[in-house]
């Protein structure tokens, strides 16, 4: 899942040739990550 930086809409699949938002045409997309925090142990 990707999210458009301009219109903030979720995009499930991207075209292989064109990496653009199908709603607004913006080419700046980022991959949506799950909101799970990782726990790291320290000594």
Protein backbone atom coordinates (compact mmCIF):
# COMPACT_ATOMS: atom_id res chain seq x y z
CA UNK A 1 0.00 0.00 0.00
CA UNK A 2 1.23 3.45 -0.92
CA UNK A 3 0.02 6.89 0.09
CA UNK A 4 0.15 10.01 -2.07
CA UNK A 5 1.93 12.98 -0.50
CA UNK A 6 -0.30 15.53 -2.22
CA UNK A 7 -3.87 14.20 -1.93
CA UNK A 8 -3.21 11.71 0.95
CA UNK A 9 -5.20 8.92 -0.74
CA UNK A 10 -4.25 5.26 -0.40
CA UNK A 11 -3.12 3.41 -3.54
CA UNK A 12 -3.21 -0.39 -3.48
CA UNK A 13 -1.34 -1.16 -6.72
CA UNK A 14 0.97 0.83 -8.95
CA UNK A 15 1.36 0.50 -12.69
CA UNK A 16 4.69 -1.06 -13.72
CA UNK A 17 5.53 1.72 -16.20
CA UNK A 18 4.17 4.87 -14.52
CA UNK A 19 4.66 5.54 -10.82
CA UNK A 20 1.96 8.18 -10.30
CA UNK A 21 -1.09 8.74 -8.16
CA UNK A 22 -4.16 7.78 -10.23
CA UNK A 23 -6.20 10.51 -8.50
CA UNK A 24 -4.05 13.63 -8.77
CA UNK A 25 -1.06 12.60 -10.94
CA UNK A 26 1.55 13.33 -8.29
CA UNK A 27 4.73 11.24 -8.48
CA UNK A 28 5.72 11.50 -4.80
CA UNK A 29 4.43 8.40 -3.01
CA UNK A 30 5.52 6.75 0.19
CA UNK A 31 5.02 3.26 1.49
CA UNK A 32 2.56 3.02 4.35
CA UNK A 33 3.98 1.13 7.31
CA UNK A 34 2.05 -0.57 10.11
CA UNK A 35 1.83 1.40 13.37
CA UNK A 36 3.60 -1.33 15.37
CA UNK A 37 6.43 -0.12 17.59
CA UNK A 38 9.50 -2.31 17.79
CA UNK A 39 10.99 -3.11 21.17
CA UNK A 40 14.77 -3.15 21.38
CA UNK A 41 16.67 -4.45 24.41
CA UNK A 42 19.74 -2.62 25.61
CA UNK A 43 22.37 -3.76 28.03
